[in-house]
């Protein structure tokens, strides 16, 4: 039960007699106000004859049914102590709990990024040392760099996120080029997809490459740059994807083009499927579940606790981009519906 006390100097105050219209039983669950008149040494204790006892007596006022009949008015100097007692007022404050919850998620997010950055520094140095040999012996797939990226992602998300894989047997062999496509929910998608251990090239906006360590590592991995809303850059991106596929590397697309704001699957753009159809490589649909709940789009500074599920579907082959696009989207959409 919460108690709120306030001291209000009152001058003058009428004397009142209170007559309750409710029975005690009917007021058990009602809020009530206790008014207590107490003497204060700063003020003289004047006597008012027969009414003195009444002024020093605790009076309970039950609302809303009462009757006040004013008898006499006298000038008094006293402190009135008002105590408000509400049934159930001692229950936890939802806003306080929400604040603590948000604080905890922000602390987790800070620790996650701190650990990811710390690990990235050392692994990036390893990539720099190995890069000349990678360009010499494995210029297009860059398996050594992707192995380092997988180690980095594994160390970064542990112990914050638990990842479950379903359908790993559907992954093409590491040496078979393919177009991988997936729904896009969160910034965490990249971390979880790196755990698959496949040497596919992501497509990223140009601004990411200037981020120290992380952006530089993406450059060493062979990530394909893209300027959004630039048609020339988009055509160059698709041309480079086809060139990599013909030379044995794989590419990865988020056909929605951006992260989903509400968790719903958006419309798929046909660029990835046109690339697959023209190069004759299979399309591998992947469904990501849980990343949007742990780190929603627009809330990258927070990280909630939980698990992520990655479902790898059977590869789809064909020469018609429209059919490939519809089949891939339907497979991912059905999986999302199946798991709510």
Protein backbone atom coordinates (compact mmCIF):
# COMPACT_ATOMS: atom_id res chain seq x y z
CA UNK A 1 0.00 0.00 0.00
CA UNK A 2 1.52 3.32 -1.07
CA UNK A 3 1.29 6.34 1.17
CA UNK A 4 1.49 9.95 0.07
CA UNK A 5 1.73 12.54 2.84
CA UNK A 6 1.59 16.27 2.43
CA UNK A 7 1.52 19.10 4.96
CA UNK A 8 -0.67 22.01 4.08
CA UNK A 9 -0.94 25.05 6.36
CA UNK A 10 -4.56 26.11 6.32
CA UNK A 11 -6.05 29.35 7.62
CA UNK A 12 -8.90 29.56 8.38
CA UNK A 13 -10.65 26.16 8.43
CA UNK A 14 -14.26 25.38 9.26
CA UNK A 15 -15.15 22.81 11.84
CA UNK A 16 -17.32 20.09 10.37
CA UNK A 17 -19.16 17.07 11.61
CA UNK A 18 -19.06 14.10 9.22
CA UNK A 19 -21.92 11.65 8.85
CA UNK A 20 -21.21 8.47 6.79
CA UNK A 21 -23.99 7.26 4.52
CA UNK A 22 -22.22 3.99 3.62
CA UNK A 23 -21.72 0.99 5.76
CA UNK A 24 -18.19 -0.12 6.53
CA UNK A 25 -18.56 -3.23 4.39
CA UNK A 26 -19.47 -1.25 1.30
CA UNK A 27 -16.34 0.91 1.59
CA UNK A 28 -13.75 -1.80 1.98
CA UNK A 29 -12.62 -1.58 -1.61
CA UNK A 30 -13.03 2.18 -1.99
CA UNK A 31 -10.25 4.76 -1.80
CA UNK A 32 -10.39 6.87 1.34
CA UNK A 33 -8.65 9.90 2.71
CA UNK A 34 -7.55 10.25 6.32
CA UNK A 35 -7.36 13.78 7.65
CA UNK A 36 -5.40 14.22 10.87
CA UNK A 37 -5.11 17.56 12.63
CA UNK A 38 -1.96 17.76 14.72
CA UNK A 39 -0.41 20.43 16.89
CA UNK A 40 2.73 22.17 15.69
CA UNK A 41 5.19 23.79 18.14
CA UNK A 42 5.54 26.76 15.84
CA UNK A 43 1.95 27.73 16.48
CA UNK A 44 0.22 28.36 19.80
CA UNK A 45 -2.09 25.66 20.96
CA UNK A 46 -5.34 27.50 21.44
CA UNK A 47 -8.28 25.94 23.17
CA UNK A 48 -11.67 26.06 21.66
CA UNK A 49 -13.72 24.64 24.43
CA UNK A 50 -15.78 21.60 23.61
CA UNK A 51 -14.45 21.52 20.02
CA UNK A 52 -10.80 20.95 21.04
CA UNK A 53 -11.21 17.21 21.33
CA UNK A 54 -12.80 17.08 17.96
CA UNK A 55 -9.85 18.90 16.32
CA UNK A 56 -7.29 16.49 17.73
CA UNK A 57 -9.27 13.42 16.68
CA UNK A 58 -8.51 11.36 13.56
CA UNK A 59 -11.34 11.64 11.07
CA UNK A 60 -11.83 9.23 8.17
CA UNK A 61 -13.57 10.61 5.13
CA UNK A 62 -15.09 8.04 2.81
CA UNK A 63 -16.00 9.27 -0.63
CA UNK A 64 -18.21 9.84 -2.49
CA UNK A 65 -21.13 9.57 0.00
CA UNK A 66 -20.89 11.80 2.98
CA UNK A 67 -22.69 14.79 4.48
CA UNK A 68 -21.00 17.87 5.88
CA UNK A 69 -22.99 20.19 8.12
CA UNK A 70 -21.08 23.34 8.98
CA UNK A 71 -21.58 24.37 12.64
CA UNK A 72 -19.25 27.26 13.38
CA UNK A 73 -16.28 28.90 11.75
CA UNK A 74 -13.18 29.61 13.85
CA UNK A 75 -9.72 30.80 12.87
CA UNK A 76 -7.05 28.21 13.67
CA UNK A 77 -3.37 27.74 12.80
CA UNK A 78 -2.54 24.09 12.51
CA UNK A 79 -0.98 21.66 10.01
CA UNK A 80 -3.32 19.28 8.27
CA UNK A 81 -1.74 15.93 7.50
CA UNK A 82 -3.40 14.26 4.57
CA UNK A 83 -2.74 10.59 4.00
CA UNK A 84 -4.02 9.01 0.83
CA UNK A 85 -4.26 5.26 0.98
CA UNK A 86 -5.36 3.38 -2.13
CA UNK A 87 -6.07 -0.29 -2.24
CA UNK A 88 -3.43 -2.00 -4.42
CA UNK A 89 -1.26 1.09 -4.69
CA UNK A 90 1.80 -0.96 -3.77
CA UNK A 91 1.77 -2.97 -7.00
CA UNK A 92 4.81 -2.59 -9.34
CA UNK A 93 4.76 0.40 -11.65
CA UNK A 94 4.62 -0.78 -15.30
CA UNK A 95 6.57 2.25 -16.52
CA UNK A 96 9.34 1.51 -14.03
CA UNK A 97 9.54 -2.11 -15.21
CA UNK A 98 9.60 -0.98 -18.84
CA UNK A 99 12.46 1.39 -18.13
CA UNK A 100 14.48 -1.36 -16.48
CA UNK A 101 13.70 -3.67 -19.42
CA UNK A 102 14.89 -1.08 -21.94
CA UNK A 103 18.01 -0.40 -19.92
CA UNK A 104 18.85 -4.10 -19.84
CA UNK A 105 18.45 -4.43 -23.62
CA UNK A 106 20.66 -1.38 -24.20
CA UNK A 107 23.36 -2.81 -21.93
CA UNK A 108 23.22 -6.09 -23.85
CA UNK A 109 23.46 -4.19 -27.13
CA UNK A 110 26.47 -2.23 -25.91
CA UNK A 111 28.24 -5.40 -24.75
CA UNK A 112 27.43 -7.11 -28.04
CA UNK A 113 28.95 -4.33 -30.15
CA UNK A 114 31.91 -3.96 -27.81
CA UNK A 115 32.75 -7.64 -28.08
CA UNK A 116 32.20 -7.70 -31.85
CA UNK A 117 34.54 -4.72 -32.30
CA UNK A 118 37.19 -6.15 -29.98
CA UNK A 119 37.26 -9.50 -31.79
CA UNK A 120 37.16 -7.81 -35.20
CA UNK A 121 40.38 -5.89 -34.54
CA UNK A 122 42.48 -9.03 -34.17
CA UNK A 123 40.76 -10.99 -36.92
CA UNK A 124 41.04 -8.05 -39.31
CA UNK A 125 44.80 -8.03 -38.83
CA UNK A 126 44.79 -11.72 -39.74
CA UNK A 127 42.82 -10.96 -42.90
CA UNK A 128 45.27 -8.20 -43.87
CA UNK A 129 48.22 -10.56 -43.51
CA UNK A 130 46.47 -13.30 -45.53
CA UNK A 131 45.04 -11.01 -48.21
CA UNK A 132 47.96 -11.15 -50.70
CA UNK A 133 47.82 -14.96 -50.66
CA UNK A 134 44.04 -14.92 -51.02
CA UNK A 135 44.27 -12.73 -54.11
CA UNK A 136 46.95 -14.96 -55.54
CA UNK A 137 45.29 -18.36 -55.01
CA UNK A 138 41.55 -17.68 -54.46
CA UNK A 139 40.67 -14.28 -55.84
CA UNK A 140 36.95 -14.87 -56.38
CA UNK A 141 35.71 -17.19 -53.62
CA UNK A 142 38.14 -15.99 -50.88
CA UNK A 143 37.40 -18.96 -48.64
CA UNK A 144 40.09 -18.04 -46.11
CA UNK A 145 38.51 -14.63 -45.50
CA UNK A 146 35.05 -16.13 -45.17
CA UNK A 147 36.37 -18.60 -42.61
CA UNK A 148 37.68 -15.68 -40.58
CA UNK A 149 34.30 -13.95 -40.96
CA UNK A 150 32.53 -17.07 -39.69
CA UNK A 151 34.82 -17.18 -36.64
CA UNK A 152 34.15 -13.49 -36.00
CA UNK A 153 30.36 -13.89 -36.22
CA UNK A 154 30.45 -16.96 -33.95
CA UNK A 155 32.44 -15.17 -31.26
CA UNK A 156 30.40 -11.96 -31.60
CA UNK A 157 26.97 -13.46 -31.00
CA UNK A 158 28.03 -15.86 -28.22
CA UNK A 159 26.55 -15.90 -25.57
CA UNK A 160 23.96 -13.29 -26.58
CA UNK A 161 22.08 -15.27 -29.23
CA UNK A 162 21.32 -18.93 -29.74
CA UNK A 163 21.10 -20.00 -33.39
CA UNK A 164 19.24 -23.06 -34.68
CA UNK A 165 19.78 -24.42 -38.20
CA UNK A 166 17.23 -26.42 -40.16
CA UNK A 167 17.85 -27.94 -43.59
CA UNK A 168 21.65 -27.73 -43.72
CA UNK A 169 21.55 -30.71 -46.08
CA UNK A 170 19.95 -28.40 -48.68
CA UNK A 171 23.05 -26.22 -48.91
CA UNK A 172 24.92 -26.70 -52.19
CA UNK A 173 28.52 -27.80 -51.95
CA UNK A 174 30.99 -25.04 -51.14
CA UNK A 175 32.44 -25.11 -54.70
CA UNK A 176 29.06 -24.85 -56.46
CA UNK A 177 28.05 -21.25 -57.29
CA UNK A 178 24.52 -20.25 -56.37
CA UNK A 179 22.29 -17.25 -55.71
CA UNK A 180 21.21 -17.18 -52.06
CA UNK A 181 18.13 -15.15 -51.14
CA UNK A 182 16.52 -14.44 -47.79
CA UNK A 183 14.00 -12.26 -46.01
CA UNK A 184 15.55 -9.26 -44.26
CA UNK A 185 14.45 -8.35 -40.72
CA UNK A 186 17.39 -7.03 -38.77
CA UNK A 187 21.00 -5.94 -38.64
CA UNK A 188 21.64 -9.33 -37.03
CA UNK A 189 20.85 -11.11 -40.31
CA UNK A 190 24.43 -10.69 -41.55
CA UNK A 191 25.90 -12.22 -38.38
CA UNK A 192 23.66 -15.28 -38.51
CA UNK A 193 24.15 -15.87 -42.25
CA UNK A 194 27.93 -15.82 -41.90
CA UNK A 195 27.56 -18.87 -39.66
CA UNK A 196 26.55 -20.95 -42.70
CA UNK A 197 30.19 -21.02 -43.80
CA UNK A 198 29.52 -20.36 -47.49
CA UNK A 199 31.65 -17.97 -49.51
CA UNK A 200 28.85 -15.81 -50.90
CA UNK A 201 29.29 -12.13 -51.63
CA UNK A 202 26.88 -9.75 -49.95
CA UNK A 203 25.65 -6.57 -51.61
CA UNK A 204 26.03 -3.49 -49.43
CA UNK A 205 25.53 0.24 -49.78
CA UNK A 206 28.68 2.22 -50.37
CA UNK A 207 28.57 4.07 -47.03
CA UNK A 208 29.24 0.88 -45.07
CA UNK A 209 32.73 0.51 -46.51
CA UNK A 210 34.03 3.63 -44.73
CA UNK A 211 33.28 2.19 -41.27
CA UNK A 212 36.63 1.37 -39.64
CA UNK A 213 37.52 -2.33 -39.32
CA UNK A 214 34.06 -3.68 -40.23
CA UNK A 215 33.80 -1.80 -43.54
CA UNK A 216 37.41 -2.56 -44.40
CA UNK A 217 36.89 -6.26 -43.67
CA UNK A 218 33.83 -6.27 -45.97
CA UNK A 219 36.03 -4.86 -48.72
CA UNK A 220 38.56 -7.67 -48.22
CA UNK A 221 35.71 -10.21 -48.35
CA UNK A 222 34.78 -8.95 -51.81
CA UNK A 223 31.42 -7.44 -50.81
CA UNK A 224 29.75 -5.79 -53.81
CA UNK A 225 29.10 -2.03 -53.40
CA UNK A 226 25.80 -0.47 -54.42
CA UNK A 227 24.57 3.10 -54.62
CA UNK A 228 20.87 3.11 -53.92
CA UNK A 229 18.61 4.98 -56.35
CA UNK A 230 21.44 5.00 -58.87
CA UNK A 231 20.43 2.99 -61.93
CA UNK A 232 23.98 2.86 -63.28
CA UNK A 233 25.26 1.47 -59.98
CA UNK A 234 22.48 -1.13 -59.94
CA UNK A 235 23.35 -2.36 -63.42
CA UNK A 236 27.04 -2.50 -62.52
CA UNK A 237 26.16 -4.49 -59.39
CA UNK A 238 24.17 -7.07 -61.39
CA UNK A 239 26.93 -7.31 -64.00
CA UNK A 240 29.51 -7.97 -61.31
CA UNK A 241 27.29 -10.60 -59.69
CA UNK A 242 27.00 -12.50 -62.98
CA UNK A 243 30.76 -12.25 -63.50
CA UNK A 244 31.44 -13.73 -60.04
CA UNK A 245 28.95 -16.56 -60.58
CA UNK A 246 30.58 -17.52 -63.87
CA UNK A 247 33.94 -17.66 -62.11
CA UNK A 248 32.69 -20.01 -59.39
CA UNK A 249 31.73 -17.62 -56.56
CA UNK A 250 28.27 -17.27 -54.97
CA UNK A 251 26.27 -14.12 -54.26
CA UNK A 252 23.67 -13.24 -51.66
CA UNK A 253 20.62 -11.02 -52.15
CA UNK A 254 17.96 -9.59 -49.86
CA UNK A 255 15.24 -9.34 -52.55
CA UNK A 256 13.11 -7.04 -50.40
CA UNK A 257 15.82 -4.42 -50.79
CA UNK A 258 15.70 -3.26 -47.17
CA UNK A 259 14.84 -4.45 -43.69
CA UNK A 260 11.21 -4.99 -42.86
CA UNK A 261 9.83 -2.38 -40.46
CA UNK A 262 6.90 -4.47 -39.22
CA UNK A 263 8.28 -8.00 -39.58
CA UNK A 264 6.09 -8.76 -42.60
CA UNK A 265 7.58 -10.12 -45.80
CA UNK A 266 7.76 -7.44 -48.47
CA UNK A 267 7.64 -7.67 -52.25
CA UNK A 268 10.66 -9.24 -53.95
CA UNK A 269 12.66 -7.41 -56.59
CA UNK A 270 13.63 -9.54 -59.58
CA UNK A 271 17.31 -8.60 -59.88
CA UNK A 272 18.61 -11.67 -58.04
CA UNK A 273 16.43 -14.02 -60.07
CA UNK A 274 17.41 -12.44 -63.37
CA UNK A 275 21.04 -13.05 -62.45
CA UNK A 276 20.31 -16.69 -61.58
CA UNK A 277 18.32 -17.25 -64.78
CA UNK A 278 21.00 -15.74 -67.03
CA UNK A 279 23.87 -17.66 -65.43
CA UNK A 280 22.00 -20.95 -64.97
CA UNK A 281 22.81 -21.30 -61.25
CA UNK A 282 20.33 -22.48 -58.60
CA UNK A 283 18.47 -20.15 -56.23
CA UNK A 284 18.69 -21.14 -52.55
CA UNK A 285 15.87 -19.61 -50.45
CA UNK A 286 16.60 -19.05 -46.76
CA UNK A 287 14.10 -18.06 -44.08
CA UNK A 288 15.31 -16.07 -41.08
CA UNK A 289 13.16 -16.05 -37.96
CA UNK A 290 13.74 -14.22 -34.68
CA UNK A 291 16.31 -11.60 -35.66
CA UNK A 292 13.62 -8.94 -36.02
CA UNK A 293 12.42 -9.57 -32.48
CA UNK A 294 15.91 -9.46 -30.95
CA UNK A 295 17.04 -6.32 -32.77
CA UNK A 296 14.20 -4.61 -34.67
CA UNK A 297 14.92 -2.30 -37.58
CA UNK A 298 15.56 1.20 -36.26
CA UNK A 299 16.55 -0.07 -32.79
CA UNK A 300 20.10 -1.20 -33.49
CA UNK A 301 21.33 0.04 -30.10
CA UNK A 302 19.28 -2.59 -28.26
CA UNK A 303 19.57 -6.37 -28.12
CA UNK A 304 17.00 -8.62 -26.51
CA UNK A 305 17.71 -12.15 -25.35
CA UNK A 306 16.36 -15.04 -27.37
CA UNK A 307 17.08 -17.40 -30.23
CA UNK A 308 17.22 -17.26 -34.01
CA UNK A 309 16.12 -19.95 -36.44
CA UNK A 310 17.58 -20.33 -39.94
CA UNK A 311 15.76 -22.58 -42.40
CA UNK A 312 17.56 -23.52 -45.63
CA UNK A 313 15.13 -24.63 -48.34
CA UNK A 314 15.79 -26.83 -51.34
CA UNK A 315 17.44 -25.07 -54.29
CA UNK A 316 15.20 -23.84 -57.11
CA UNK A 317 16.32 -23.94 -60.74
CA UNK A 318 14.83 -22.38 -63.84
CA UNK A 319 15.28 -19.92 -66.68
CA UNK A 320 12.29 -17.67 -65.99
CA UNK A 321 13.03 -14.88 -63.47
CA UNK A 322 9.35 -14.34 -62.67
CA UNK A 323 8.76 -17.99 -61.81
CA UNK A 324 11.95 -18.14 -59.74
CA UNK A 325 10.94 -14.99 -57.86
CA UNK A 326 7.42 -16.25 -57.09
CA UNK A 327 8.58 -19.70 -56.01
CA UNK A 328 11.30 -18.36 -53.73
CA UNK A 329 8.99 -15.83 -52.10
CA UNK A 330 6.23 -18.39 -51.61
CA UNK A 331 8.61 -20.82 -49.92
CA UNK A 332 9.86 -18.17 -47.49
CA UNK A 333 6.36 -16.75 -46.88
CA UNK A 334 4.92 -20.21 -46.12
CA UNK A 335 7.69 -20.90 -43.64
CA UNK A 336 7.07 -17.62 -41.84
CA UNK A 337 3.32 -18.36 -41.69
CA UNK A 338 3.99 -21.89 -40.44
CA UNK A 339 5.96 -20.57 -37.48
CA UNK A 340 3.65 -17.65 -36.75
